Amino acid sequence: MLRIDINLIFTVINILVLAIAMKIFLFKPVKDIIDKRQKEADEEYEKATVAKNKADELRQQYDDSLLKLEEEKKETLRTARKNADSEYQRIIGLAESKAATIKSDAQIQAESTRQQVLKRAEREIADMVLNATEKMTGEAVGGKEINSSLYDEFLSKAGEEQ
């Protein structure tokens, strides 16, 4: 059985002194070290959280910048297309204007050429008529000039009536 004697009292006192000494010299410093490391871990976690939040904010700014740049790109493309279309219309207008001018000049030149051909044909017809008349009447060269002037007068009067 259990005997209570002085050894037991000394053993209990030794255990209590040992427990107090361990608490003071072992558990308290270990607890302080654990608390210090916990505090450092909490600070690192807080720094990481702040860095993550800042990175998220920067990423949001980056995304916003990308969206803004995309909109600017679209607007620039719209403006460029609009300018290109107006330039295209201007060039087409100039080409049509030049084409109309060239066509008008060609028509004027064609009319002038036609008038020259008609005059040449009239002269040739007049010469042929005079030659035929001369052969038929046997008139002299002086009569040819008179007939030629009469025929020219006839043609100019006929041309005025039309």
N, C-alpha and C. Protein backbone atom coordinates (compact mmCIF):
# COMPACT_ATOMS: atom_id res chain seq x y z
N MET A 1 0.78 -1.15 0.00
CA MET A 1 0.00 0.00 0.00
C MET A 1 0.84 1.24 0.00
N LEU A 2 0.13 2.25 0.06
CA LEU A 2 0.83 3.51 -0.04
C LEU A 2 1.23 3.95 1.36
N ARG A 3 2.45 4.22 1.43
CA ARG A 3 2.94 4.69 2.71
C ARG A 3 3.22 6.16 2.61
N ILE A 4 2.86 6.84 3.58
CA ILE A 4 3.14 8.26 3.60
C ILE A 4 4.31 8.42 4.55
N ASP A 5 5.35 8.85 4.00
CA ASP A 5 6.52 9.17 4.80
C ASP A 5 7.19 10.39 4.22
N ILE A 6 8.31 10.67 4.71
CA ILE A 6 8.98 11.89 4.34
C ILE A 6 9.45 11.83 2.87
N ASN A 7 9.77 10.69 2.39
CA ASN A 7 10.22 10.57 0.99
C ASN A 7 9.09 10.96 0.03
N LEU A 8 7.94 10.57 0.41
CA LEU A 8 6.81 10.91 -0.44
C LEU A 8 6.60 12.41 -0.45
N ILE A 9 6.76 13.04 0.66
CA ILE A 9 6.59 14.48 0.73
C ILE A 9 7.70 15.15 -0.09
N PHE A 10 8.93 14.66 0.01
CA PHE A 10 10.02 15.23 -0.78
C PHE A 10 9.83 14.99 -2.28
N THR A 11 9.28 13.87 -2.60
CA THR A 11 9.04 13.55 -4.00
C THR A 11 7.97 14.49 -4.56
N VAL A 12 6.92 14.73 -3.78
CA VAL A 12 5.87 15.63 -4.22
C VAL A 12 6.44 17.05 -4.34
N ILE A 13 7.24 17.47 -3.36
CA ILE A 13 7.84 18.80 -3.41
C ILE A 13 8.78 18.89 -4.62
N ASN A 14 9.57 17.86 -4.89
CA ASN A 14 10.48 17.84 -6.04
C ASN A 14 9.69 17.95 -7.36
N ILE A 15 8.59 17.23 -7.42
CA ILE A 15 7.77 17.27 -8.63
C ILE A 15 7.16 18.66 -8.81
N LEU A 16 6.70 19.25 -7.70
CA LEU A 16 6.15 20.60 -7.81
C LEU A 16 7.22 21.62 -8.19
N VAL A 17 8.38 21.54 -7.62
CA VAL A 17 9.48 22.45 -7.95
C VAL A 17 9.89 22.24 -9.41
N LEU A 18 9.98 20.97 -9.79
CA LEU A 18 10.33 20.65 -11.17
C LEU A 18 9.26 21.19 -12.13
N ALA A 19 7.99 21.06 -11.80
CA ALA A 19 6.92 21.57 -12.66
C ALA A 19 6.99 23.09 -12.74
N ILE A 20 7.23 23.77 -11.61
CA ILE A 20 7.33 25.22 -11.63
C ILE A 20 8.55 25.65 -12.44
N ALA A 21 9.68 24.96 -12.25
CA ALA A 21 10.91 25.30 -12.97
C ALA A 21 10.71 25.07 -14.48
N MET A 22 10.05 23.97 -14.84
CA MET A 22 9.79 23.70 -16.26
C MET A 22 8.86 24.75 -16.85
N LYS A 23 7.89 25.16 -16.04
CA LYS A 23 6.98 26.18 -16.52
C LYS A 23 7.72 27.48 -16.74
N ILE A 24 8.59 27.85 -15.81
CA ILE A 24 9.30 29.12 -15.92
C ILE A 24 10.38 29.05 -17.00
N PHE A 25 11.18 28.00 -16.99
CA PHE A 25 12.35 27.94 -17.88
C PHE A 25 12.11 27.23 -19.22
N LEU A 26 11.11 26.41 -19.30
CA LEU A 26 10.90 25.67 -20.54
C LEU A 26 9.63 26.10 -21.27
N PHE A 27 8.49 25.99 -20.60
CA PHE A 27 7.23 26.27 -21.29
C PHE A 27 7.05 27.75 -21.67
N LYS A 28 7.47 28.67 -20.75
CA LYS A 28 7.30 30.08 -21.04
C LYS A 28 8.16 30.51 -22.24
N PRO A 29 9.45 30.18 -22.34
CA PRO A 29 10.23 30.56 -23.52
C PRO A 29 9.71 29.89 -24.80
N VAL A 30 9.30 28.62 -24.68
CA VAL A 30 8.75 27.95 -25.86
C VAL A 30 7.47 28.63 -26.30
N LYS A 31 6.63 28.99 -25.35
CA LYS A 31 5.39 29.69 -25.67
C LYS A 31 5.70 31.05 -26.29
N ASP A 32 6.70 31.75 -25.75
CA ASP A 32 7.10 33.05 -26.32
C ASP A 32 7.60 32.87 -27.76
N ILE A 33 8.38 31.84 -28.01
CA ILE A 33 8.89 31.58 -29.36
C ILE A 33 7.73 31.25 -30.30
N ILE A 34 6.81 30.42 -29.83
CA ILE A 34 5.65 30.07 -30.66
C ILE A 34 4.81 31.32 -30.94
N ASP A 35 4.59 32.16 -29.92
CA ASP A 35 3.84 33.40 -30.13
C ASP A 35 4.56 34.32 -31.11
N LYS A 36 5.90 34.42 -30.95
CA LYS A 36 6.68 35.26 -31.86
C LYS A 36 6.58 34.75 -33.29
N ARG A 37 6.70 33.45 -33.49
CA ARG A 37 6.59 32.88 -34.85
C ARG A 37 5.17 33.03 -35.41
N GLN A 38 4.17 32.89 -34.54
CA GLN A 38 2.79 33.10 -34.98
C GLN A 38 2.59 34.54 -35.43
N LYS A 39 3.17 35.47 -34.67
CA LYS A 39 3.07 36.88 -35.03
C LYS A 39 3.76 37.13 -36.38
N GLU A 40 4.95 36.55 -36.58
CA GLU A 40 5.65 36.71 -37.85
C GLU A 40 4.83 36.09 -39.00
N ALA A 41 4.24 34.93 -38.78
CA ALA A 41 3.42 34.29 -39.80
C ALA A 41 2.20 35.15 -40.12
N ASP A 42 1.58 35.71 -39.08
CA ASP A 42 0.44 36.61 -39.31
C ASP A 42 0.86 37.84 -40.11
N GLU A 43 2.05 38.40 -39.79
CA GLU A 43 2.53 39.56 -40.54
C GLU A 43 2.80 39.19 -42.01
N GLU A 44 3.41 38.04 -42.25
CA GLU A 44 3.67 37.59 -43.62
C GLU A 44 2.35 37.35 -44.36
N TYR A 45 1.40 36.75 -43.66
CA TYR A 45 0.09 36.54 -44.28
C TYR A 45 -0.56 37.87 -44.63
N GLU A 46 -0.45 38.84 -43.74
CA GLU A 46 -1.01 40.17 -43.99
C GLU A 46 -0.31 40.84 -45.18
N LYS A 47 1.04 40.72 -45.22
CA LYS A 47 1.78 41.27 -46.36
C LYS A 47 1.36 40.58 -47.66
N ALA A 48 1.20 39.27 -47.61
CA ALA A 48 0.78 38.53 -48.81
C ALA A 48 -0.62 38.96 -49.24
N THR A 49 -1.50 39.17 -48.27
CA THR A 49 -2.85 39.62 -48.59
C THR A 49 -2.82 41.00 -49.23
N VAL A 50 -2.01 41.90 -48.68
CA VAL A 50 -1.89 43.25 -49.23
C VAL A 50 -1.31 43.17 -50.65
N ALA A 51 -0.27 42.34 -50.82
CA ALA A 51 0.34 42.19 -52.15
C ALA A 51 -0.66 41.60 -53.14
N LYS A 52 -1.44 40.63 -52.70
CA LYS A 52 -2.45 40.02 -53.57
C LYS A 52 -3.51 41.06 -53.96
N ASN A 53 -3.96 41.84 -52.98
CA ASN A 53 -4.94 42.89 -53.27
C ASN A 53 -4.39 43.92 -54.25
N LYS A 54 -3.11 44.28 -54.04
CA LYS A 54 -2.49 45.25 -54.95
C LYS A 54 -2.36 44.64 -56.34
N ALA A 55 -1.98 43.36 -56.41
CA ALA A 55 -1.87 42.68 -57.71
C ALA A 55 -3.24 42.61 -58.38
N ASP A 56 -4.29 42.31 -57.60
CA ASP A 56 -5.64 42.28 -58.17
C ASP A 56 -6.04 43.66 -58.69
N GLU A 57 -5.69 44.69 -57.94
CA GLU A 57 -6.00 46.05 -58.36
C GLU A 57 -5.26 46.41 -59.66
N LEU A 58 -3.97 46.04 -59.71
CA LEU A 58 -3.18 46.30 -60.92
C LEU A 58 -3.72 45.51 -62.11
N ARG A 59 -4.14 44.29 -61.84
CA ARG A 59 -4.71 43.48 -62.92
C ARG A 59 -6.00 44.11 -63.42
N GLN A 60 -6.82 44.61 -62.51
CA GLN A 60 -8.06 45.28 -62.92
C GLN A 60 -7.75 46.52 -63.75
N GLN A 61 -6.73 47.28 -63.31
CA GLN A 61 -6.32 48.45 -64.09
C GLN A 61 -5.83 48.02 -65.48
N TYR A 62 -5.07 46.94 -65.51
CA TYR A 62 -4.56 46.42 -66.78
C TYR A 62 -5.73 46.01 -67.69
N ASP A 63 -6.69 45.28 -67.11
CA ASP A 63 -7.87 44.87 -67.89
C ASP A 63 -8.65 46.09 -68.39
N ASP A 64 -8.81 47.10 -67.53
CA ASP A 64 -9.49 48.32 -67.94
C ASP A 64 -8.73 49.03 -69.06
N SER A 65 -7.41 49.05 -68.94
CA SER A 65 -6.59 49.66 -69.99
C SER A 65 -6.74 48.91 -71.30
N LEU A 66 -6.75 47.58 -71.21
CA LEU A 66 -6.93 46.77 -72.42
C LEU A 66 -8.28 47.05 -73.07
N LEU A 67 -9.32 47.13 -72.26
CA LEU A 67 -10.65 47.44 -72.81
C LEU A 67 -10.66 48.82 -73.44
N LYS A 68 -10.03 49.77 -72.78
CA LYS A 68 -9.99 51.13 -73.31
C LYS A 68 -9.21 51.16 -74.62
N LEU A 69 -8.08 50.46 -74.66
CA LEU A 69 -7.29 50.39 -75.89
C LEU A 69 -8.07 49.71 -77.01
N GLU A 70 -8.81 48.69 -76.65
CA GLU A 70 -9.62 47.98 -77.66
C GLU A 70 -10.68 48.92 -78.23
N GLU A 71 -11.31 49.69 -77.37
CA GLU A 71 -12.31 50.67 -77.83
C GLU A 71 -11.66 51.74 -78.71
N GLU A 72 -10.48 52.21 -78.27
CA GLU A 72 -9.78 53.21 -79.08
C GLU A 72 -9.40 52.64 -80.43
N LYS A 73 -8.98 51.36 -80.44
CA LYS A 73 -8.62 50.71 -81.70
C LYS A 73 -9.83 50.63 -82.62
N LYS A 74 -10.97 50.24 -82.05
CA LYS A 74 -12.19 50.17 -82.86
C LYS A 74 -12.58 51.54 -83.39
N GLU A 75 -12.48 52.55 -82.53
CA GLU A 75 -12.83 53.91 -82.96
C GLU A 75 -11.87 54.39 -84.05
N THR A 76 -10.58 54.09 -83.88
CA THR A 76 -9.59 54.47 -84.89
C THR A 76 -9.88 53.77 -86.21
N LEU A 77 -10.24 52.49 -86.15
CA LEU A 77 -10.57 51.76 -87.36
C LEU A 77 -11.82 52.35 -88.02
N ARG A 78 -12.82 52.69 -87.20
CA ARG A 78 -14.03 53.31 -87.76
C ARG A 78 -13.69 54.63 -88.45
N THR A 79 -12.87 55.44 -87.79
CA THR A 79 -12.48 56.72 -88.36
C THR A 79 -11.68 56.51 -89.65
N ALA A 80 -10.76 55.54 -89.61
CA ALA A 80 -9.95 55.27 -90.81
C ALA A 80 -10.83 54.79 -91.96
N ARG A 81 -11.78 53.93 -91.65
CA ARG A 81 -12.68 53.44 -92.70
C ARG A 81 -13.52 54.60 -93.26
N LYS A 82 -13.99 55.46 -92.37
CA LYS A 82 -14.79 56.60 -92.80
C LYS A 82 -13.95 57.51 -93.69
N ASN A 83 -12.72 57.80 -93.26
CA ASN A 83 -11.84 58.64 -94.05
C ASN A 83 -11.50 57.98 -95.39
N ALA A 84 -11.26 56.67 -95.35
CA ALA A 84 -10.95 55.95 -96.59
C ALA A 84 -12.15 55.98 -97.53
N ASP A 85 -13.34 55.84 -96.97
CA ASP A 85 -14.54 55.87 -97.80
C ASP A 85 -14.73 57.25 -98.43
N SER A 86 -14.53 58.30 -97.63
CA SER A 86 -14.68 59.65 -98.18
C SER A 86 -13.60 59.91 -99.23
N GLU A 87 -12.39 59.42 -99.00
CA GLU A 87 -11.31 59.58 -99.99
C GLU A 87 -11.65 58.80 -101.26
N TYR A 88 -12.22 57.62 -101.07
CA TYR A 88 -12.64 56.80 -102.22
C TYR A 88 -13.72 57.54 -103.02
N GLN A 89 -14.68 58.10 -102.32
CA GLN A 89 -15.75 58.85 -103.00
C GLN A 89 -15.17 60.07 -103.73
N ARG A 90 -14.21 60.75 -103.09
CA ARG A 90 -13.58 61.91 -103.72
C ARG A 90 -12.84 61.49 -104.99
N ILE A 91 -12.09 60.39 -104.92
CA ILE A 91 -11.33 59.91 -106.08
C ILE A 91 -12.29 59.47 -107.19
N ILE A 92 -13.36 58.79 -106.81
CA ILE A 92 -14.35 58.36 -107.80
C ILE A 92 -14.98 59.59 -108.45
N GLY A 93 -15.29 60.60 -107.67
CA GLY A 93 -15.87 61.84 -108.20
C GLY A 93 -14.92 62.51 -109.19
N LEU A 94 -13.63 62.57 -108.81
CA LEU A 94 -12.64 63.15 -109.72
C LEU A 94 -12.54 62.34 -111.01
N ALA A 95 -12.53 61.02 -110.86
CA ALA A 95 -12.44 60.15 -112.05
C ALA A 95 -13.67 60.35 -112.95
N GLU A 96 -14.84 60.41 -112.34
CA GLU A 96 -16.05 60.62 -113.13
C GLU A 96 -16.03 61.99 -113.81
N SER A 97 -15.53 62.99 -113.09
CA SER A 97 -15.43 64.34 -113.66
C SER A 97 -14.46 64.34 -114.84
N LYS A 98 -13.30 63.69 -114.66
CA LYS A 98 -12.33 63.62 -115.75
C LYS A 98 -12.90 62.83 -116.93
N ALA A 99 -13.61 61.75 -116.61
CA ALA A 99 -14.21 60.95 -117.68
C ALA A 99 -15.24 61.78 -118.45
N ALA A 100 -16.03 62.56 -117.73
CA ALA A 100 -17.03 63.41 -118.39
C ALA A 100 -16.34 64.47 -119.25
N THR A 101 -15.26 65.03 -118.74
CA THR A 101 -14.51 66.04 -119.51
C THR A 101 -13.92 65.41 -120.77
N ILE A 102 -13.32 64.23 -120.61
CA ILE A 102 -12.73 63.54 -121.76
C ILE A 102 -13.82 63.19 -122.77
N LYS A 103 -14.96 62.72 -122.29
CA LYS A 103 -16.06 62.37 -123.18
C LYS A 103 -16.56 63.61 -123.91
N SER A 104 -16.70 64.73 -123.18
CA SER A 104 -17.15 65.97 -123.79
C SER A 104 -16.16 66.44 -124.84
N ASP A 105 -14.86 66.39 -124.50
CA ASP A 105 -13.83 66.79 -125.47
C ASP A 105 -13.86 65.89 -126.69
N ALA A 106 -14.06 64.60 -126.47
CA ALA A 106 -14.12 63.65 -127.60
C ALA A 106 -15.33 63.94 -128.48
N GLN A 107 -16.47 64.28 -127.84
CA GLN A 107 -17.66 64.61 -128.62
C GLN A 107 -17.44 65.89 -129.44
N ILE A 108 -16.81 66.88 -128.81
CA ILE A 108 -16.52 68.12 -129.53
C ILE A 108 -15.59 67.85 -130.70
N GLN A 109 -14.54 67.05 -130.42
CA GLN A 109 -13.60 66.73 -131.48
C GLN A 109 -14.28 65.91 -132.59
N ALA A 110 -15.15 64.98 -132.19
CA ALA A 110 -15.86 64.18 -133.18
C ALA A 110 -16.77 65.07 -134.03
N GLU A 111 -17.44 66.02 -133.37
CA GLU A 111 -18.30 66.94 -134.11
C GLU A 111 -17.48 67.80 -135.07
N SER A 112 -16.33 68.26 -134.60
CA SER A 112 -15.46 69.07 -135.45
C SER A 112 -14.98 68.25 -136.65
N THR A 113 -14.58 67.01 -136.38
CA THR A 113 -14.13 66.13 -137.46
C THR A 113 -15.27 65.87 -138.43
N ARG A 114 -16.47 65.67 -137.90
CA ARG A 114 -17.64 65.44 -138.75
C ARG A 114 -17.91 66.65 -139.63
N GLN A 115 -17.79 67.85 -139.02
CA GLN A 115 -18.00 69.08 -139.79
C GLN A 115 -16.95 69.20 -140.90
N GLN A 116 -15.71 68.85 -140.57
CA GLN A 116 -14.65 68.91 -141.59
C GLN A 116 -14.91 67.91 -142.71
N VAL A 117 -15.34 66.70 -142.32
CA VAL A 117 -15.64 65.67 -143.33
C VAL A 117 -16.80 66.13 -144.21
N LEU A 118 -17.83 66.73 -143.57
CA LEU A 118 -18.97 67.22 -144.35
C LEU A 118 -18.55 68.32 -145.31
N LYS A 119 -17.69 69.24 -144.84
CA LYS A 119 -17.24 70.32 -145.72
C LYS A 119 -16.41 69.76 -146.87
N ARG A 120 -15.55 68.80 -146.54
CA ARG A 120 -14.73 68.19 -147.59
C ARG A 120 -15.62 67.45 -148.59
N ALA A 121 -16.64 66.76 -148.06
CA ALA A 121 -17.58 66.05 -148.94
C ALA A 121 -18.34 67.04 -149.80
N GLU A 122 -18.76 68.16 -149.21
CA GLU A 122 -19.48 69.18 -149.98
C GLU A 122 -18.60 69.73 -151.09
N ARG A 123 -17.30 69.97 -150.75
CA ARG A 123 -16.38 70.48 -151.77
C ARG A 123 -16.19 69.46 -152.90
N GLU A 124 -16.04 68.20 -152.48
CA GLU A 124 -15.85 67.16 -153.50
C GLU A 124 -17.11 67.02 -154.36
N ILE A 125 -18.27 67.09 -153.72
CA ILE A 125 -19.52 67.01 -154.48
C ILE A 125 -19.63 68.21 -155.42
N ALA A 126 -19.26 69.39 -154.87
CA ALA A 126 -19.32 70.60 -155.71
C ALA A 126 -18.38 70.48 -156.89
N ASP A 127 -17.16 69.96 -156.63
CA ASP A 127 -16.20 69.77 -157.72
C ASP A 127 -16.72 68.77 -158.75
N MET A 128 -17.33 67.70 -158.22
CA MET A 128 -17.87 66.69 -159.14
C MET A 128 -19.03 67.28 -159.97
N VAL A 129 -19.89 68.06 -159.31
CA VAL A 129 -21.00 68.68 -160.03
C VAL A 129 -20.46 69.66 -161.07
N LEU A 130 -19.48 70.44 -160.67
CA LEU A 130 -18.89 71.40 -161.62
C LEU A 130 -18.23 70.68 -162.80
N ASN A 131 -17.51 69.61 -162.46
CA ASN A 131 -16.88 68.84 -163.54
C ASN A 131 -17.94 68.25 -164.48
N ALA A 132 -18.99 67.73 -163.86
CA ALA A 132 -20.05 67.15 -164.68
C ALA A 132 -20.73 68.23 -165.51
N THR A 133 -20.99 69.38 -164.89
CA THR A 133 -21.63 70.49 -165.60
C THR A 133 -20.71 70.99 -166.70
N GLU A 134 -19.44 71.09 -166.39
CA GLU A 134 -18.47 71.57 -167.37
C GLU A 134 -18.40 70.63 -168.56
N LYS A 135 -18.44 69.36 -168.28
CA LYS A 135 -18.39 68.39 -169.37
C LYS A 135 -19.66 68.46 -170.20
N MET A 136 -20.76 68.67 -169.49
CA MET A 136 -22.02 68.74 -170.23
C MET A 136 -22.15 70.04 -171.00
N THR A 137 -21.75 71.13 -170.45
CA THR A 137 -21.92 72.41 -171.11
C THR A 137 -20.71 72.81 -171.90
N GLY A 138 -19.56 72.26 -171.56
CA GLY A 138 -18.35 72.58 -172.27
C GLY A 138 -17.89 73.99 -172.00
N GLU A 139 -18.15 74.55 -170.86
CA GLU A 139 -17.76 75.91 -170.54
C GLU A 139 -16.28 75.98 -170.20
N ALA A 140 -15.78 77.17 -170.17
CA ALA A 140 -14.37 77.41 -169.92
C ALA A 140 -14.09 77.44 -168.41
N VAL A 141 -12.84 77.64 -168.09
CA VAL A 141 -12.38 77.67 -166.70
C VAL A 141 -12.99 78.84 -165.96
N GLY A 142 -13.18 79.95 -166.50
CA GLY A 142 -13.79 81.11 -165.86
C GLY A 142 -15.21 80.81 -165.44
N GLY A 143 -15.88 80.02 -166.19
CA GLY A 143 -17.24 79.63 -165.86
C GLY A 143 -17.24 78.70 -164.66
N LYS A 144 -16.14 77.96 -164.49
CA LYS A 144 -16.02 77.02 -163.36
C LYS A 144 -16.03 77.79 -162.05
N GLU A 145 -15.35 78.92 -161.98
CA GLU A 145 -15.30 79.72 -160.76
C GLU A 145 -16.66 80.31 -160.45
N ILE A 146 -17.37 80.76 -161.49
CA ILE A 146 -18.70 81.32 -161.29
C ILE A 146 -19.64 80.23 -160.81
N ASN A 147 -19.58 79.07 -161.43
CA ASN A 147 -20.44 77.95 -161.01
C ASN A 147 -20.10 77.50 -159.59
N SER A 148 -18.81 77.51 -159.27
CA SER A 148 -18.38 77.11 -157.93
C SER A 148 -18.94 78.07 -156.90
N SER A 149 -18.89 79.38 -157.16
CA SER A 149 -19.41 80.35 -156.21
C SER A 149 -20.92 80.24 -156.11
N LEU A 150 -21.61 79.96 -157.23
CA LEU A 150 -23.06 79.77 -157.19
C LEU A 150 -23.41 78.52 -156.37
N TYR A 151 -22.65 77.45 -156.55
CA TYR A 151 -22.92 76.21 -155.80
C TYR A 151 -22.66 76.42 -154.32
N ASP A 152 -21.57 77.13 -153.95
CA ASP A 152 -21.28 77.41 -152.53
C ASP A 152 -22.40 78.22 -151.91
N GLU A 153 -22.90 79.19 -152.68
CA GLU A 153 -24.01 80.00 -152.18
C GLU A 153 -25.24 79.15 -151.98
N PHE A 154 -25.48 78.23 -152.93
CA PHE A 154 -26.62 77.32 -152.80
C PHE A 154 -26.48 76.44 -151.55
N LEU A 155 -25.31 75.90 -151.32
CA LEU A 155 -25.08 75.03 -150.15
C LEU A 155 -25.23 75.82 -148.85
N SER A 156 -24.72 77.04 -148.79
CA SER A 156 -24.84 77.82 -147.55
C SER A 156 -26.29 78.17 -147.27
N LYS A 157 -27.07 78.49 -148.31
CA LYS A 157 -28.49 78.77 -148.11
C LYS A 157 -29.23 77.51 -147.70
N ALA A 158 -28.87 76.38 -148.30
CA ALA A 158 -29.51 75.13 -147.93
C ALA A 158 -29.16 74.75 -146.50
N GLY A 159 -27.90 75.02 -146.08
CA GLY A 159 -27.45 74.73 -144.71
C GLY A 159 -28.15 75.61 -143.69
N GLU A 160 -28.47 76.87 -144.06
CA GLU A 160 -29.14 77.78 -143.15
C GLU A 160 -30.58 77.37 -142.93
N GLU A 161 -31.21 76.79 -143.93
CA GLU A 161 -32.61 76.40 -143.83
C GLU A 161 -32.78 75.19 -142.91
N GLN A 162 -31.78 74.37 -142.81
CA GLN A 162 -31.91 73.18 -141.97
C GLN A 162 -31.76 73.58 -140.56
